[in-house]
């Protein structure tokens, strides 16, 4: 069964180099792609069975030898459980024989991409490929569920006291939260000094109470970030979302 198109696709970089890890994956996360680094092709196969609409970019200069990469790609494409996975190849050298093998013989769906010294240009190329592969689906932003995570909290000064609550989910657009006792926040009320704790990170943001909904015998409030929340804060939120998703994926792979 395909993943919900609204949620987009998981994008795995298999055996990424340090450059891919630190300068490509990190930048694509800032572009709201759900990207992961993984260095175990056997365990990745199990994840691809769970997420059969995923995209995989094999970094063929790392990890496996040439025949190992060819074998892994052939087996992944031949297995009915993973046949819908989109595979691309990332390489340091534009070798015509390799290009022909991967694109004409193996017929990888997501291209043969040569990474050069201009990383910014490579990132733009990757974003074009991911958009062509509909990596984001219909969503614009990644929303991270933090349900049950006691280290994601919100603190709002109000009427001479502080409202302490738990964040239920968060994206670069806003977050939802609930409190032990319902503070009855007025719709469209502006809160200029909201403090978010995202594990070890503290952010001070401005947010607007957008609305509320009843969940689990509690009222959950939806808060939207105002335009005063600048690009630095939004970048930190994206980094937190990416790091948390990667940590959860690492846990699944153990």
C-alpha atoms as a PDB file:
ATOM      1  CA  UNK A   1       0.000   0.000   0.000  1.00  0.00           C
ATOM      2  CA  UNK A   2       1.376   3.435  -0.909  1.00  0.00           C
ATOM      3  CA  UNK A   3       2.159   6.054   1.663  1.00  0.00           C
ATOM      4  CA  UNK A   4      -0.308   8.867   2.072  1.00  0.00           C
ATOM      5  CA  UNK A   5       0.594  11.260  -0.751  1.00  0.00           C
ATOM      6  CA  UNK A   6      -0.174  14.180   1.542  1.00  0.00           C
ATOM      7  CA  UNK A   7       2.720  13.209   3.824  1.00  0.00           C
ATOM      8  CA  UNK A   8       5.376  12.984   1.138  1.00  0.00           C
ATOM      9  CA  UNK A   9       8.147  10.403   0.856  1.00  0.00           C
ATOM     10  CA  UNK A  10      11.110   9.472   2.986  1.00  0.00           C
ATOM     11  CA  UNK A  11      14.429  10.191   1.268  1.00  0.00           C
ATOM     12  CA  UNK A  12      17.367   7.971   2.266  1.00  0.00           C
ATOM     13  CA  UNK A  13      21.019   8.653   1.475  1.00  0.00           C
ATOM     14  CA  UNK A  14      22.774   5.293   1.686  1.00  0.00           C
ATOM     15  CA  UNK A  15      26.442   5.391   2.765  1.00  0.00           C
ATOM     16  CA  UNK A  16      26.723   9.190   2.438  1.00  0.00           C
ATOM     17  CA  UNK A  17      30.136  10.833   2.473  1.00  0.00           C
ATOM     18  CA  UNK A  18      30.925  13.523   5.044  1.00  0.00           C
ATOM     19  CA  UNK A  19      30.115  16.192   2.455  1.00  0.00           C
ATOM     20  CA  UNK A  20      26.726  14.646   1.683  1.00  0.00           C
ATOM     21  CA  UNK A  21      26.042  14.228   5.397  1.00  0.00           C
ATOM     22  CA  UNK A  22      26.994  17.720   6.511  1.00  0.00           C
ATOM     23  CA  UNK A  23      26.281  19.949   3.534  1.00  0.00           C
ATOM     24  CA  UNK A  24      23.676  18.227   1.400  1.00  0.00           C
ATOM     25  CA  UNK A  25      21.354  16.404   3.790  1.00  0.00           C
ATOM     26  CA  UNK A  26      21.390  19.324   6.225  1.00  0.00           C
ATOM     27  CA  UNK A  27      20.481  21.786   3.465  1.00  0.00           C
ATOM     28  CA  UNK A  28      17.727  19.593   2.025  1.00  0.00           C
ATOM     29  CA  UNK A  29      16.239  19.353   5.523  1.00  0.00           C
ATOM     30  CA  UNK A  30      16.064  23.142   5.516  1.00  0.00           C
ATOM     31  CA  UNK A  31      14.112  22.881   2.245  1.00  0.00           C
ATOM     32  CA  UNK A  32      11.488  20.756   4.065  1.00  0.00           C
ATOM     33  CA  UNK A  33      12.451  17.398   2.563  1.00  0.00           C
ATOM     34  CA  UNK A  34      12.258  14.424   4.942  1.00  0.00           C
ATOM     35  CA  UNK A  35      15.839  13.205   4.557  1.00  0.00           C
ATOM     36  CA  UNK A  36      17.786  10.497   6.352  1.00  0.00           C
ATOM     37  CA  UNK A  37      21.351   9.226   6.474  1.00  0.00           C
ATOM     38  CA  UNK A  38      21.860   5.469   6.723  1.00  0.00           C
ATOM     39  CA  UNK A  39      24.993   3.332   6.502  1.00  0.00           C
ATOM     40  CA  UNK A  40      23.521  -0.169   6.593  1.00  0.00           C
ATOM     41  CA  UNK A  41      22.014  -1.394   3.330  1.00  0.00           C
ATOM     42  CA  UNK A  42      20.612  -4.552   4.931  1.00  0.00           C
ATOM     43  CA  UNK A  43      18.661  -2.682   7.606  1.00  0.00           C
ATOM     44  CA  UNK A  44      17.571  -0.084   5.068  1.00  0.00           C
ATOM     45  CA  UNK A  45      15.879  -2.851   3.097  1.00  0.00           C
ATOM     46  CA  UNK A  46      13.606  -3.529   6.083  1.00  0.00           C
ATOM     47  CA  UNK A  47      12.647   0.153   6.197  1.00  0.00           C
ATOM     48  CA  UNK A  48      11.900   0.179   2.486  1.00  0.00           C
ATOM     49  CA  UNK A  49       9.437  -2.653   2.988  1.00  0.00           C
ATOM     50  CA  UNK A  50       7.709  -0.480   5.608  1.00  0.00           C
ATOM     51  CA  UNK A  51       7.884   2.657   3.450  1.00  0.00           C
ATOM     52  CA  UNK A  52       7.632   1.335  -0.133  1.00  0.00           C
ATOM     53  CA  UNK A  53       7.280   4.755  -1.772  1.00  0.00           C
ATOM     54  CA  UNK A  54      10.618   5.962  -0.413  1.00  0.00           C
ATOM     55  CA  UNK A  55      13.487   7.381  -2.437  1.00  0.00           C
ATOM     56  CA  UNK A  56      17.052   6.086  -2.030  1.00  0.00           C
ATOM     57  CA  UNK A  57      20.211   7.786  -3.260  1.00  0.00           C
ATOM     58  CA  UNK A  58      23.100   5.332  -3.312  1.00  0.00           C
ATOM     59  CA  UNK A  59      26.419   7.096  -2.689  1.00  0.00           C
ATOM     60  CA  UNK A  60      28.469   4.597  -4.698  1.00  0.00           C
ATOM     61  CA  UNK A  61      31.918   5.913  -3.742  1.00  0.00           C
ATOM     62  CA  UNK A  62      31.329   4.755  -0.156  1.00  0.00           C
ATOM     63  CA  UNK A  63      30.308   1.578   1.635  1.00  0.00           C
ATOM     64  CA  UNK A  64      30.091  -1.124  -1.021  1.00  0.00           C
ATOM     65  CA  UNK A  65      32.267  -2.101  -3.954  1.00  0.00           C
ATOM     66  CA  UNK A  66      30.916  -1.641  -7.475  1.00  0.00           C
ATOM     67  CA  UNK A  67      29.537  -5.165  -7.798  1.00  0.00           C
ATOM     68  CA  UNK A  68      28.009  -4.891  -4.316  1.00  0.00           C
ATOM     69  CA  UNK A  69      26.127  -1.748  -5.281  1.00  0.00           C
ATOM     70  CA  UNK A  70      24.899  -3.331  -8.497  1.00  0.00           C
ATOM     71  CA  UNK A  71      23.698  -6.429  -6.630  1.00  0.00           C
ATOM     72  CA  UNK A  72      21.909  -4.385  -3.945  1.00  0.00           C
ATOM     73  CA  UNK A  73      20.127  -2.195  -6.492  1.00  0.00           C
ATOM     74  CA  UNK A  74      19.094  -5.150  -8.655  1.00  0.00           C
ATOM     75  CA  UNK A  75      17.722  -7.045  -5.659  1.00  0.00           C
ATOM     76  CA  UNK A  76      15.843  -4.015  -4.347  1.00  0.00           C
ATOM     77  CA  UNK A  77      14.250  -3.342  -7.731  1.00  0.00           C
ATOM     78  CA  UNK A  78      13.400  -7.017  -8.275  1.00  0.00           C
ATOM     79  CA  UNK A  79      11.768  -7.557  -4.872  1.00  0.00           C
ATOM     80  CA  UNK A  80       8.017  -6.990  -5.171  1.00  0.00           C
ATOM     81  CA  UNK A  81       7.956  -5.449  -1.672  1.00  0.00           C
ATOM     82  CA  UNK A  82      10.431  -2.726  -2.673  1.00  0.00           C
ATOM     83  CA  UNK A  83       9.886  -2.467  -6.429  1.00  0.00           C
ATOM     84  CA  UNK A  84       8.248   0.964  -6.120  1.00  0.00           C
ATOM     85  CA  UNK A  85      11.224   2.503  -4.335  1.00  0.00           C
ATOM     86  CA  UNK A  86      12.816   5.241  -6.416  1.00  0.00           C
ATOM     87  CA  UNK A  87      16.589   4.774  -6.630  1.00  0.00           C
ATOM     88  CA  UNK A  88      19.188   7.303  -7.724  1.00  0.00           C
ATOM     89  CA  UNK A  89      22.986   7.187  -7.799  1.00  0.00           C
ATOM     90  CA  UNK A  90      25.365   9.846  -6.465  1.00  0.00           C
ATOM     91  CA  UNK A  91      29.009   9.681  -7.510  1.00  0.00           C
ATOM     92  CA  UNK A  92      32.165  11.771  -7.461  1.00  0.00           C
ATOM     93  CA  UNK A  93      33.214  10.915 -11.020  1.00  0.00           C
ATOM     94  CA  UNK A  94      31.336  11.169 -14.288  1.00  0.00           C
ATOM     95  CA  UNK A  95      32.343   7.720 -15.551  1.00  0.00           C
ATOM     96  CA  UNK A  96      30.567   6.951 -18.811  1.00  0.00           C
ATOM     97  CA  UNK A  97      30.621   3.191 -18.266  1.00  0.00           C
ATOM     98  CA  UNK A  98      29.071   3.588 -14.802  1.00  0.00           C
ATOM     99  CA  UNK A  99      26.516   6.078 -16.099  1.00  0.00           C
ATOM    100  CA  UNK A 100      25.464   3.640 -18.804  1.00  0.00           C
ATOM    101  CA  UNK A 101      25.286   0.750 -16.331  1.00  0.00           C
ATOM    102  CA  UNK A 102      23.062   2.535 -13.838  1.00  0.00           C
ATOM    103  CA  UNK A 103      20.836   4.467 -16.231  1.00  0.00           C
ATOM    104  CA  UNK A 104      20.531   2.116 -19.236  1.00  0.00           C
ATOM    105  CA  UNK A 105      21.065  -1.349 -17.767  1.00  0.00           C
ATOM    106  CA  UNK A 106      19.769  -1.015 -14.214  1.00  0.00           C
ATOM    107  CA  UNK A 107      17.422   1.825 -15.210  1.00  0.00           C
ATOM    108  CA  UNK A 108      17.464   3.652 -11.877  1.00  0.00           C
ATOM    109  CA  UNK A 109      14.473   6.001 -11.689  1.00  0.00           C
ATOM    110  CA  UNK A 110      16.061   8.978  -9.941  1.00  0.00           C
ATOM    111  CA  UNK A 111      19.133   9.608 -12.047  1.00  0.00           C
ATOM    112  CA  UNK A 112      22.909   9.380 -12.057  1.00  0.00           C
ATOM    113  CA  UNK A 113      24.094  12.516 -10.284  1.00  0.00           C
ATOM    114  CA  UNK A 114      27.695  13.704 -10.199  1.00  0.00           C
ATOM    115  CA  UNK A 115      28.672  15.712  -7.146  1.00  0.00           C
ATOM    116  CA  UNK A 116      31.250  18.410  -7.874  1.00  0.00           C
ATOM    117  CA  UNK A 117      32.936  21.134  -5.869  1.00  0.00           C
ATOM    118  CA  UNK A 118      29.987  23.526  -6.200  1.00  0.00           C
ATOM    119  CA  UNK A 119      27.823  22.104  -3.413  1.00  0.00           C
ATOM    120  CA  UNK A 120      25.215  24.863  -3.704  1.00  0.00           C
ATOM    121  CA  UNK A 121      24.656  23.946  -7.346  1.00  0.00           C
ATOM    122  CA  UNK A 122      24.454  20.252  -6.437  1.00  0.00           C
ATOM    123  CA  UNK A 123      21.857  21.007  -3.750  1.00  0.00           C
ATOM    124  CA  UNK A 124      19.750  22.892  -6.280  1.00  0.00           C
ATOM    125  CA  UNK A 125      20.002  19.930  -8.634  1.00  0.00           C
ATOM    126  CA  UNK A 126      18.965  17.546  -5.856  1.00  0.00           C
ATOM    127  CA  UNK A 127      15.976  19.742  -4.957  1.00  0.00           C
ATOM    128  CA  UNK A 128      14.835  19.691  -8.595  1.00  0.00           C
ATOM    129  CA  UNK A 129      15.119  15.887  -8.704  1.00  0.00           C
ATOM    130  CA  UNK A 130      13.266  15.468  -5.395  1.00  0.00           C
ATOM    131  CA  UNK A 131      10.478  17.769  -6.518  1.00  0.00           C
ATOM    132  CA  UNK A 132      10.222  15.869  -9.807  1.00  0.00           C
ATOM    133  CA  UNK A 133       9.899  12.656  -7.758  1.00  0.00           C
ATOM    134  CA  UNK A 134       7.156  14.338  -5.673  1.00  0.00           C
ATOM    135  CA  UNK A 135       9.145  13.859  -2.470  1.00  0.00           C
ATOM    136  CA  UNK A 136       6.990  16.342  -0.567  1.00  0.00           C
ATOM    137  CA  UNK A 137       3.682  14.998  -1.792  1.00  0.00           C
ATOM    138  CA  UNK A 138       1.044  17.675  -1.190  1.00  0.00           C
ATOM    139  CA  UNK A 139       2.477  18.941   2.062  1.00  0.00           C
ATOM    140  CA  UNK A 140       4.554  22.117   2.323  1.00  0.00           C
ATOM    141  CA  UNK A 141       6.059  21.599   5.753  1.00  0.00           C
ATOM    142  CA  UNK A 142       7.139  18.657   7.889  1.00  0.00           C
ATOM    143  CA  UNK A 143       5.111  18.362  11.080  1.00  0.00           C
ATOM    144  CA  UNK A 144       6.819  16.458  13.880  1.00  0.00           C
ATOM    145  CA  UNK A 145       4.711  14.677  16.476  1.00  0.00           C
ATOM    146  CA  UNK A 146       6.167  15.129  19.970  1.00  0.00           C
ATOM    147  CA  UNK A 147       3.358  13.361  21.795  1.00  0.00           C
ATOM    148  CA  UNK A 148       4.740  11.837  24.990  1.00  0.00           C
ATOM    149  CA  UNK A 149       8.063  13.678  24.731  1.00  0.00           C
ATOM    150  CA  UNK A 150       8.482  15.402  28.095  1.00  0.00           C
ATOM    151  CA  UNK A 151      11.398  17.484  26.804  1.00  0.00           C
ATOM    152  CA  UNK A 152       9.337  19.540  24.364  1.00  0.00           C
ATOM    153  CA  UNK A 153       7.485  22.159  26.366  1.00  0.00           C
ATOM    154  CA  UNK A 154       6.032  25.648  26.049  1.00  0.00           C
ATOM    155  CA  UNK A 155       6.058  28.497  28.539  1.00  0.00           C
ATOM    156  CA  UNK A 156       3.752  31.493  28.036  1.00  0.00           C
ATOM    157  CA  UNK A 157       3.675  34.541  30.334  1.00  0.00           C
ATOM    158  CA  UNK A 158       0.070  35.572  30.937  1.00  0.00           C
ATOM    159  CA  UNK A 159      -1.666  37.767  33.532  1.00  0.00           C
ATOM    160  CA  UNK A 160       1.350  37.947  35.849  1.00  0.00           C
ATOM    161  CA  UNK A 161       1.990  34.204  35.851  1.00  0.00           C
ATOM    162  CA  UNK A 162       3.353  31.538  33.503  1.00  0.00           C
ATOM    163  CA  UNK A 163       1.456  28.889  31.591  1.00  0.00           C
ATOM    164  CA  UNK A 164       3.472  25.706  31.293  1.00  0.00           C
ATOM    165  CA  UNK A 165       2.367  23.201  28.696  1.00  0.00           C
ATOM    166  CA  UNK A 166       3.489  20.303  26.554  1.00  0.00           C
ATOM    167  CA  UNK A 167       4.021  20.562  22.796  1.00  0.00           C
ATOM    168  CA  UNK A 168       2.109  17.874  20.886  1.00  0.00           C
ATOM    169  CA  UNK A 169       3.476  18.627  17.430  1.00  0.00           C
ATOM    170  CA  UNK A 170       5.551  21.303  15.757  1.00  0.00           C
ATOM    171  CA  UNK A 171       6.451  22.573  12.307  1.00  0.00           C
ATOM    172  CA  UNK A 172       8.127  25.697  11.024  1.00  0.00           C
ATOM    173  CA  UNK A 173       4.649  27.257  10.803  1.00  0.00           C
ATOM    174  CA  UNK A 174       3.526  26.690  14.380  1.00  0.00           C
ATOM    175  CA  UNK A 175       2.774  24.101  17.036  1.00  0.00           C
ATOM    176  CA  UNK A 176      -0.015  22.568  19.064  1.00  0.00           C
ATOM    177  CA  UNK A 177       0.072  22.205  22.829  1.00  0.00           C
ATOM    178  CA  UNK A 178      -2.029  21.511  25.880  1.00  0.00           C
ATOM    179  CA  UNK A 179      -1.937  22.437  29.534  1.00  0.00           C
ATOM    180  CA  UNK A 180      -2.775  20.702  32.804  1.00  0.00           C
ATOM    181  CA  UNK A 181      -5.583  23.202  33.303  1.00  0.00           C
ATOM    182  CA  UNK A 182      -7.323  24.899  30.415  1.00  0.00           C
ATOM    183  CA  UNK A 183      -6.151  28.555  30.277  1.00  0.00           C
ATOM    184  CA  UNK A 184      -8.991  29.419  27.848  1.00  0.00           C
ATOM    185  CA  UNK A 185      -6.789  31.232  25.377  1.00  0.00           C
ATOM    186  CA  UNK A 186      -8.770  33.628  23.219  1.00  0.00           C
ATOM    187  CA  UNK A 187      -8.737  32.958  19.489  1.00  0.00           C
ATOM    188  CA  UNK A 188      -6.367  35.299  17.578  1.00  0.00           C
ATOM    189  CA  UNK A 189      -4.727  36.523  20.794  1.00  0.00           C
ATOM    190  CA  UNK A 190      -1.082  37.477  20.261  1.00  0.00           C
ATOM    191  CA  UNK A 191       1.582  36.187  22.667  1.00  0.00           C
ATOM    192  CA  UNK A 192       4.834  38.109  22.097  1.00  0.00           C
ATOM    193  CA  UNK A 193       7.104  36.197  24.509  1.00  0.00           C
ATOM    194  CA  UNK A 194       6.539  32.468  24.098  1.00  0.00           C
ATOM    195  CA  UNK A 195       9.397  30.222  25.170  1.00  0.00           C
ATOM    196  CA  UNK A 196       9.787  26.836  23.522  1.00  0.00           C
ATOM    197  CA  UNK A 197      11.999  24.122  24.957  1.00  0.00           C
ATOM    198  CA  UNK A 198      13.026  21.693  22.234  1.00  0.00           C
ATOM    199  CA  UNK A 199      15.134  19.259  24.232  1.00  0.00           C
ATOM    200  CA  UNK A 200      18.330  21.189  25.090  1.00  0.00           C
ATOM    201  CA  UNK A 201      17.381  24.209  22.982  1.00  0.00           C
ATOM    202  CA  UNK A 202      15.409  27.254  24.111  1.00  0.00           C
ATOM    203  CA  UNK A 203      13.644  29.469  21.586  1.00  0.00           C
ATOM    204  CA  UNK A 204      11.853  32.740  22.227  1.00  0.00           C
ATOM    205  CA  UNK A 205       9.123  33.326  19.665  1.00  0.00           C
ATOM    206  CA  UNK A 206       5.962  35.295  19.031  1.00  0.00           C
ATOM    207  CA  UNK A 207       2.819  33.236  18.412  1.00  0.00           C
ATOM    208  CA  UNK A 208      -0.897  33.673  17.836  1.00  0.00           C
ATOM    209  CA  UNK A 209      -3.623  31.420  19.262  1.00  0.00           C
ATOM    210  CA  UNK A 210      -5.209  30.137  16.054  1.00  0.00           C
ATOM    211  CA  UNK A 211      -7.808  27.834  17.573  1.00  0.00           C
ATOM    212  CA  UNK A 212      -8.362  24.750  19.697  1.00  0.00           C
ATOM    213  CA  UNK A 213      -9.716  21.209  19.554  1.00  0.00           C
ATOM    214  CA  UNK A 214     -10.739  18.615  22.130  1.00  0.00           C
ATOM    215  CA  UNK A 215      -8.352  15.675  22.404  1.00  0.00           C
ATOM    216  CA  UNK A 216      -8.023  12.997  25.092  1.00  0.00           C
ATOM    217  CA  UNK A 217     -10.223  14.898  27.575  1.00  0.00           C
ATOM    218  CA  UNK A 218      -8.002  17.965  27.151  1.00  0.00           C
ATOM    219  CA  UNK A 219      -8.162  21.036  24.982  1.00  0.00           C
ATOM    220  CA  UNK A 220      -5.317  21.247  22.508  1.00  0.00           C
ATOM    221  CA  UNK A 221      -4.411  24.734  21.299  1.00  0.00           C
ATOM    222  CA  UNK A 222      -3.021  25.454  17.863  1.00  0.00           C
ATOM    223  CA  UNK A 223      -0.463  28.283  17.841  1.00  0.00           C
ATOM    224  CA  UNK A 224       0.891  29.924  14.697  1.00  0.00           C
ATOM    225  CA  UNK A 225       4.221  31.731  14.593  1.00  0.00           C
ATOM    226  CA  UNK A 226       3.991  35.402  13.706  1.00  0.00           C
ATOM    227  CA  UNK A 227       6.043  37.071  10.986  1.00  0.00           C
ATOM    228  CA  UNK A 228       8.417  38.314  13.688  1.00  0.00           C
ATOM    229  CA  UNK A 229       9.794  34.785  14.028  1.00  0.00           C
ATOM    230  CA  UNK A 230      12.830  35.213  11.793  1.00  0.00           C
ATOM    231  CA  UNK A 231      14.732  32.784   9.574  1.00  0.00           C
ATOM    232  CA  UNK A 232      17.230  31.870  12.316  1.00  0.00           C
ATOM    233  CA  UNK A 233      14.512  30.596  14.652  1.00  0.00           C
ATOM    234  CA  UNK A 234      12.792  28.755  11.821  1.00  0.00           C
ATOM    235  CA  UNK A 235      16.107  27.187  10.812  1.00  0.00           C
ATOM    236  CA  UNK A 236      16.594  25.939  14.381  1.00  0.00           C
ATOM    237  CA  UNK A 237      13.124  24.392  14.352  1.00  0.00           C
ATOM    238  CA  UNK A 238      13.892  22.582  11.085  1.00  0.00           C
ATOM    239  CA  UNK A 239      17.189  21.325  12.516  1.00  0.00           C
ATOM    240  CA  UNK A 240      15.371  20.018  15.585  1.00  0.00           C
ATOM    241  CA  UNK A 241      12.746  18.272  13.451  1.00  0.00           C
ATOM    242  CA  UNK A 242      15.393  16.694  11.221  1.00  0.00           C
ATOM    243  CA  UNK A 243      17.578  15.587  14.149  1.00  0.00           C
ATOM    244  CA  UNK A 244      14.593  14.070  15.952  1.00  0.00           C
ATOM    245  CA  UNK A 245      13.384  12.184  12.886  1.00  0.00           C
ATOM    246  CA  UNK A 246      16.915  10.887  12.249  1.00  0.00           C
ATOM    247  CA  UNK A 247      17.226   9.752  15.884  1.00  0.00           C
ATOM    248  CA  UNK A 248      13.903   7.925  15.644  1.00  0.00           C
ATOM    249  CA  UNK A 249      14.982   6.252  12.409  1.00  0.00           C
ATOM    250  CA  UNK A 250      18.290   5.220  14.010  1.00  0.00           C
ATOM    251  CA  UNK A 251      16.310   3.675  16.865  1.00  0.00           C
ATOM    252  CA  UNK A 252      14.145   1.719  14.414  1.00  0.00           C
ATOM    253  CA  UNK A 253      17.267   0.406  12.706  1.00  0.00           C
ATOM    254  CA  UNK A 254      18.807  -1.052  15.873  1.00  0.00           C
END
